[in-house]
Amino acid sequence: MKKLVFAFAGGLIFGLGLILAGMANPAKVLGFLDIAGRWDPSLAFVMGGAIAVGLVGFRLARARPMAWTGEPRAWPNLHGIDKRLVLGALVFGIGWGIAGICPGPALVLLGAGSGKGLTFVVAMLAGMAIHAMLPARAAKHAAPAAPAKH
């Protein structure tokens, strides 16, 4: 139950922040991405503020072995830049540039009953489903592993 309460509170604060900053408005996001036209730099300040808060939050979290929910911390173990990261970032950026929406604001728009938000979330879920199928397909076609030597 404690985990659900923290997840709800975190999501609510994040969503309210997106709304207050105007980031749930695709036109505002597209204005930020339009560097050759009528550029709106306000998103850069939102990102800068989020990074500053995140740096402090992660610094404090690293000092605690347990999360506020009482569970052990689970930190990512991947480091470095690889092909999957670069390709994923490119696809994410292209989608963001076309729609003016990324996953967080898409959920806010969905909650507000926006058709554009619904379309984006459906496409996002389809992309997640395709991603979930790819590793299984690649493992199915991979060469069998060599037997371990003892």
Foldseek 3Di string as FASTA:
>chain_A
DLVVVVVVVVLVVLLVLCVVLVLLPLVLLLLCVPPVPNHDVSVVVVVVVVVVVVVVVVVVVVVDQADPSRHGDDDDPDDDDDPVNVVVVVVQVVVCNVLSDHDSSLVSCVVVVHPSSVVVVVVVVVVVVVVVVVVVVCVVPDDDDDDDDD
